[in-house]
C-alpha atoms as a PDB file:
ATOM      1  CA  MET A   1     -13.145  14.307  26.938  1.00  0.00           C
ATOM      2  CA  GLN A   2     -10.414  14.830  29.560  1.00  0.00           C
ATOM      3  CA  ASP A   3      -9.167  11.292  28.968  1.00  0.00           C
ATOM      4  CA  LEU A   4      -8.899  11.950  25.241  1.00  0.00           C
ATOM      5  CA  ARG A   5      -6.990  15.188  25.818  1.00  0.00           C
ATOM      6  CA  ALA A   6      -4.630  13.376  28.211  1.00  0.00           C
ATOM      7  CA  GLU A   7      -4.111  10.576  25.687  1.00  0.00           C
ATOM      8  CA  LEU A   8      -3.403  13.083  22.913  1.00  0.00           C
ATOM      9  CA  THR A   9      -0.939  14.920  25.151  1.00  0.00           C
ATOM     10  CA  GLU A  10       0.949  11.634  25.618  1.00  0.00           C
ATOM     11  CA  ASN A  11       1.184  11.317  21.807  1.00  0.00           C
ATOM     12  CA  PHE A  12       2.522  14.871  21.424  1.00  0.00           C
ATOM     13  CA  GLY A  13       6.184  15.738  21.052  1.00  0.00           C
ATOM     14  CA  SER A  14       8.818  17.233  18.829  1.00  0.00           C
ATOM     15  CA  ALA A  15      10.566  15.410  16.016  1.00  0.00           C
ATOM     16  CA  ALA A  16      13.074  16.150  13.279  1.00  0.00           C
ATOM     17  CA  TRP A  17      11.909  15.975   9.670  1.00  0.00           C
ATOM     18  CA  GLU A  18      14.340  13.095   9.124  1.00  0.00           C
ATOM     19  CA  SER A  19      12.275  10.906  11.469  1.00  0.00           C
ATOM     20  CA  LEU A  20       8.923  12.044  10.019  1.00  0.00           C
ATOM     21  CA  LYS A  21       9.872  11.669   6.349  1.00  0.00           C
ATOM     22  CA  PRO A  22       9.247   7.873   6.133  1.00  0.00           C
ATOM     23  CA  LEU A  23       5.607   8.498   7.069  1.00  0.00           C
ATOM     24  CA  LEU A  24       5.051  10.217   3.716  1.00  0.00           C
ATOM     25  CA  ASN A  25       4.940   6.766   2.126  1.00  0.00           C
ATOM     26  CA  TYR A  26       1.774   6.088   4.112  1.00  0.00           C
ATOM     27  CA  GLN A  27       0.126   9.424   3.206  1.00  0.00           C
ATOM     28  CA  SER A  28      -0.299  10.030   6.925  1.00  0.00           C
ATOM     29  CA  VAL A  29       1.475  13.382   7.403  1.00  0.00           C
ATOM     30  CA  VAL A  30      -0.904  16.327   7.793  1.00  0.00           C
ATOM     31  CA  VAL A  31       0.398  19.882   8.152  1.00  0.00           C
ATOM     32  CA  VAL A  32      -1.406  22.051  10.701  1.00  0.00           C
ATOM     33  CA  MET A  33      -0.980  25.805  10.428  1.00  0.00           C
ATOM     34  CA  ASN A  34       0.574  27.429  13.497  1.00  0.00           C
ATOM     35  CA  GLU A  35      -2.577  29.507  14.045  1.00  0.00           C
ATOM     36  CA  LEU A  36      -4.325  26.326  15.210  1.00  0.00           C
ATOM     37  CA  ASP A  37      -3.647  24.441  18.419  1.00  0.00           C
ATOM     38  CA  LEU A  38      -2.292  21.012  17.514  1.00  0.00           C
ATOM     39  CA  LEU A  39      -4.157  19.321  20.378  1.00  0.00           C
ATOM     40  CA  ASP A  40      -7.450  20.965  19.334  1.00  0.00           C
ATOM     41  CA  VAL A  41      -7.015  19.648  15.789  1.00  0.00           C
ATOM     42  CA  GLY A  42      -6.126  16.195  17.080  1.00  0.00           C
ATOM     43  CA  GLU A  43      -9.182  16.196  19.306  1.00  0.00           C
ATOM     44  CA  ALA A  44     -11.468  17.223  16.426  1.00  0.00           C
ATOM     45  CA  ILE A  45     -10.063  14.423  14.249  1.00  0.00           C
ATOM     46  CA  ALA A  46     -10.282  11.828  17.023  1.00  0.00           C
ATOM     47  CA  LEU A  47     -13.908  12.809  17.759  1.00  0.00           C
ATOM     48  CA  ASP A  48     -14.737  12.767  14.031  1.00  0.00           C
ATOM     49  CA  ASN A  49     -15.865  16.399  14.100  1.00  0.00           C
ATOM     50  CA  THR A  50     -16.297  16.501  10.328  1.00  0.00           C
ATOM     51  CA  GLN A  51     -17.788  20.002  10.306  1.00  0.00           C
ATOM     52  CA  LEU A  52     -14.761  21.560  11.995  1.00  0.00           C
ATOM     53  CA  VAL A  53     -12.186  19.439  10.142  1.00  0.00           C
ATOM     54  CA  SER A  54     -13.876  20.200   6.810  1.00  0.00           C
ATOM     55  CA  ARG A  55     -13.764  23.919   7.571  1.00  0.00           C
ATOM     56  CA  TRP A  56     -10.028  23.728   8.338  1.00  0.00           C
ATOM     57  CA  LEU A  57      -9.432  21.744   5.153  1.00  0.00           C
ATOM     58  CA  ASN A  58     -11.410  24.249   3.065  1.00  0.00           C
ATOM     59  CA  GLU A  59      -9.530  27.166   4.656  1.00  0.00           C
ATOM     60  CA  LYS A  60      -6.200  25.365   4.035  1.00  0.00           C
ATOM     61  CA  MET A  61      -5.475  25.410   7.771  1.00  0.00           C
ATOM     62  CA  ILE A  62      -4.755  21.671   7.611  1.00  0.00           C
ATOM     63  CA  TYR A  63      -3.444  19.954   4.482  1.00  0.00           C
ATOM     64  CA  LYS A  64      -1.069  17.391   3.036  1.00  0.00           C
ATOM     65  CA  PRO A  65       2.486  18.740   2.590  1.00  0.00           C
ATOM     66  CA  ILE A  66       3.048  20.493  -0.725  1.00  0.00           C
ATOM     67  CA  GLU A  67       6.036  19.911  -2.998  1.00  0.00           C
ATOM     68  CA  GLU A  68       7.811  23.172  -2.069  1.00  0.00           C
ATOM     69  CA  GLN A  69       7.643  22.271   1.617  1.00  0.00           C
ATOM     70  CA  LEU A  70       8.968  18.787   1.009  1.00  0.00           C
ATOM     71  CA  VAL A  71      11.913  20.138  -0.993  1.00  0.00           C
ATOM     72  CA  SER A  72      12.728  22.641   1.770  1.00  0.00           C
ATOM     73  CA  TRP A  73      12.377  20.084   4.563  1.00  0.00           C
ATOM     74  CA  ASN A  74      14.468  17.523   2.684  1.00  0.00           C
ATOM     75  CA  GLU A  75      17.245  20.114   2.413  1.00  0.00           C
ATOM     76  CA  THR A  76      17.184  20.540   6.213  1.00  0.00           C
ATOM     77  CA  PRO A  77      16.471  17.080   7.656  1.00  0.00           C
ATOM     78  CA  GLU A  78      17.189  18.388  11.161  1.00  0.00           C
ATOM     79  CA  LYS A  79      14.197  20.797  10.869  1.00  0.00           C
ATOM     80  CA  GLN A  80      12.072  20.434  14.003  1.00  0.00           C
ATOM     81  CA  PHE A  81       8.319  19.945  14.163  1.00  0.00           C
ATOM     82  CA  ASN A  82       5.734  19.584  16.848  1.00  0.00           C
ATOM     83  CA  ALA A  83       4.035  16.298  16.080  1.00  0.00           C
ATOM     84  CA  LEU A  84       0.892  14.597  17.295  1.00  0.00           C
ATOM     85  CA  ILE A  85      -0.143  11.053  16.452  1.00  0.00           C
ATOM     86  CA  VAL A  86      -3.869  10.619  15.850  1.00  0.00           C
ATOM     87  CA  GLN A  87      -4.156   7.273  14.075  1.00  0.00           C
ATOM     88  CA  PRO A  88      -3.854   6.968  11.156  1.00  0.00           C
ATOM     89  CA  PHE A  89      -2.413  10.482  10.913  1.00  0.00           C
ATOM     90  CA  VAL A  90       0.622  12.332  12.172  1.00  0.00           C
ATOM     91  CA  LEU A  91      -0.204  16.007  12.569  1.00  0.00           C
ATOM     92  CA  VAL A  92       2.821  18.311  12.259  1.00  0.00           C
ATOM     93  CA  GLN A  93       3.557  21.981  12.811  1.00  0.00           C
ATOM     94  CA  GLU A  94       6.817  23.611  11.872  1.00  0.00           C
ATOM     95  CA  ILE A  95       8.815  25.003  14.791  1.00  0.00           C
ATOM     96  CA  ALA A  96      10.108  28.424  13.790  1.00  0.00           C
END
C-alpha cells in the first residue's frame, strides 16, 4: 500500500489546461471534486475499489468534464489543475 501511495505521489503534479486538453480525445480526463483527496481517489481506482468509486460516481464527486467546464477552461488555457495519472485516466482538480 505504501509503495502504491509513493508511486501515485510521483505521478502527481500541476498542469495547465492547455497541456491536459489533448487527453480529452482519449476520454481519459476525470474531474475530482475538491472535497476529495486526489491521491485517495487515485488509490481507490488503482486498487479497483469499485464500491468506493461507484459511490463517488453516483454522488457526482468524480465525473467526466461537462460542456460548460470545457468552454470555460478553453477560454483560459493557462488555468491550473492538480493532476494525477492513474492509467488509463488522468484525474484533475481545479486549482482555485
